[in-house]
């Protein structure tokens, strides 16, 4: 079945969503998939959309983290410092440490 011309694809719809809307949509997809009452093809489509949304959210968070690092200032000199979220669970902290480039001290 061909898409109608002019109709937005799920990928382009995902790209236009703000972070909070992407996260909310992702949470709904996860809830629906965890409930287990979705047919296989619908589950696969939802999973693909969920992967796109998760990637989008991660990219948005990475950009926000870089902006925070840039905005930290000491005196007249801008000093990049890592952004540490308060009370982060150990799993998220370990995952972030694996992704982060190692800095020479």
Protein backbone atom coordinates (compact mmCIF):
# COMPACT_ATOMS: atom_id res chain seq x y z
CA UNK A 1 0.00 0.00 0.00
CA UNK A 2 1.53 3.31 -1.08
CA UNK A 3 1.55 6.38 1.10
CA UNK A 4 -0.42 9.38 -0.04
CA UNK A 5 1.76 12.11 -1.44
CA UNK A 6 2.14 14.93 1.01
CA UNK A 7 1.52 12.67 4.00
CA UNK A 8 4.26 12.84 6.63
CA UNK A 9 6.17 9.64 7.34
CA UNK A 10 6.50 8.47 10.96
CA UNK A 11 10.21 9.38 10.84
CA UNK A 12 9.54 12.98 9.81
CA UNK A 13 6.80 13.29 12.45
CA UNK A 14 9.28 12.10 15.09
CA UNK A 15 11.88 14.67 14.00
CA UNK A 16 9.48 17.56 14.62
CA UNK A 17 8.50 16.59 18.16
CA UNK A 18 9.91 18.42 21.19
CA UNK A 19 11.71 16.25 23.76
CA UNK A 20 8.80 15.98 26.18
CA UNK A 21 6.35 14.90 23.45
CA UNK A 22 8.86 12.34 22.11
CA UNK A 23 9.37 10.89 25.58
CA UNK A 24 5.63 10.73 26.27
CA UNK A 25 5.00 9.00 22.94
CA UNK A 26 7.84 6.55 23.63
CA UNK A 27 6.41 5.73 27.06
CA UNK A 28 2.99 5.00 25.51
CA UNK A 29 4.59 2.69 22.95
CA UNK A 30 6.48 0.82 25.67
CA UNK A 31 3.29 0.45 27.73
CA UNK A 32 1.41 -0.89 24.69
CA UNK A 33 4.16 -3.37 23.84
CA UNK A 34 4.52 -4.50 27.46
CA UNK A 35 0.78 -5.16 27.62
CA UNK A 36 1.36 -7.79 24.93
CA UNK A 37 -1.99 -7.42 23.19
CA UNK A 38 -0.55 -6.07 19.92
CA UNK A 39 -0.42 -8.14 16.72
CA UNK A 40 3.06 -8.96 15.42
CA UNK A 41 3.15 -6.48 12.51
CA UNK A 42 1.76 -3.67 14.69
CA UNK A 43 4.26 -4.55 17.42
CA UNK A 44 7.15 -4.41 14.94
CA UNK A 45 5.99 -1.04 13.60
CA UNK A 46 5.60 0.29 17.15
CA UNK A 47 9.05 -1.03 18.07
CA UNK A 48 10.61 0.71 15.04
CA UNK A 49 8.91 3.96 16.00
CA UNK A 50 10.09 3.50 19.59
CA UNK A 51 13.68 3.08 18.42
CA UNK A 52 13.42 6.30 16.38
CA UNK A 53 11.96 8.14 19.36
CA UNK A 54 14.60 6.81 21.77
CA UNK A 55 17.35 7.89 19.38
CA UNK A 56 15.75 11.32 19.01
CA UNK A 57 15.48 11.75 22.80
CA UNK A 58 19.11 10.71 23.29
CA UNK A 59 20.26 13.19 20.64
CA UNK A 60 18.24 15.99 22.23
CA UNK A 61 19.67 15.22 25.67
CA UNK A 62 23.22 15.13 24.28
CA UNK A 63 22.71 18.56 22.68
CA UNK A 64 21.30 19.96 25.92
CA UNK A 65 24.25 18.56 27.87
CA UNK A 66 26.72 20.19 25.47
CA UNK A 67 24.89 23.51 25.84
CA UNK A 68 25.15 23.30 29.64
CA UNK A 69 28.89 22.58 29.37
CA UNK A 70 29.36 25.60 27.11
CA UNK A 71 27.40 27.93 29.37
CA UNK A 72 29.37 27.20 32.52
CA UNK A 73 31.69 30.12 33.10
CA UNK A 74 34.49 30.92 35.50
CA UNK A 75 35.28 34.60 35.53
CA UNK A 76 35.68 35.79 31.95
CA UNK A 77 36.73 32.39 30.64
CA UNK A 78 34.23 29.77 29.51
CA UNK A 79 35.10 26.44 31.08
CA UNK A 80 33.47 23.21 29.87
CA UNK A 81 32.40 21.05 32.78
CA UNK A 82 30.38 17.86 32.62
CA UNK A 83 26.75 18.11 33.60
CA UNK A 84 25.93 15.78 36.48
CA UNK A 85 22.24 15.11 37.02
CA UNK A 86 21.26 14.86 40.70
CA UNK A 87 20.55 11.42 42.17
CA UNK A 88 21.13 9.43 39.01
CA UNK A 89 20.71 5.68 39.34
CA UNK A 90 23.82 3.50 38.98
CA UNK A 91 22.77 1.95 35.65
CA UNK A 92 22.25 5.30 33.93
CA UNK A 93 25.50 6.61 35.39
CA UNK A 94 27.45 3.57 34.14
CA UNK A 95 25.88 3.86 30.67
CA UNK A 96 26.77 7.56 30.46
CA UNK A 97 30.35 6.83 31.57
CA UNK A 98 30.73 4.26 28.80
CA UNK A 99 29.49 6.74 26.16
CA UNK A 100 31.52 9.69 27.38
CA UNK A 101 34.97 10.30 25.90
CA UNK A 102 37.74 9.97 28.43
CA UNK A 103 39.22 13.30 29.50
CA UNK A 104 42.86 13.73 30.42
CA UNK A 105 43.27 15.18 33.89
